[in-house]
Amino acid sequence: MSSKRDNKTEKREVTSIRNDYVRSVEMEEKRKTGHRVRLFRRLTVFGLVVLMATIWIGSTIYAQTQTISEKAQLREDAIVELEKVEKQQVQLKEQILLLNDEEYLAKLARKEYFLSEEGEIIFTTPNNEQKDKEKPSKKE
């Protein structure tokens, strides 16, 4: 019999009392629910704005880092090129000094163009480079 009573009590609906207190509590609950919904929406919008700003800042920093690394590589390449040019400039200055020397010019002209002074006879001999090339081939 007790099971019949439990079923009956479960099936009965209790009607709520509609007085001022109950209505004010219901209105307060609706207001709190509405406030939570609006708060959630504001926090969502604020979170999206922060996320977008973070993405923008991150992409800007990444792009600047890439640009800086490219500029650093270009700078290193330019420094290497500058060193080469400075070495070449030193060599050219030395060559200018040598070319201003008449004895060097005469020696260079005799060597390169087979010019001779009066009474000189020119004999050509193989270059040392050709001898060096021949030596390894004989060893093998």
Foldseek 3Di string as FASTA:
>chain_A
DVVVVVVVVVPDDDDDDDDPVVVVVVVVVVVVVVVVVVVVVVVVVVVVVVVVVVVVVVVVVVVVVVVVVVVVVVVVVVVVVVVVVVVVVVVVVVVVVQVVDPVSVVVVCCVPVVDDDPPDDDDDDDDVVVVVVVVVVVVD
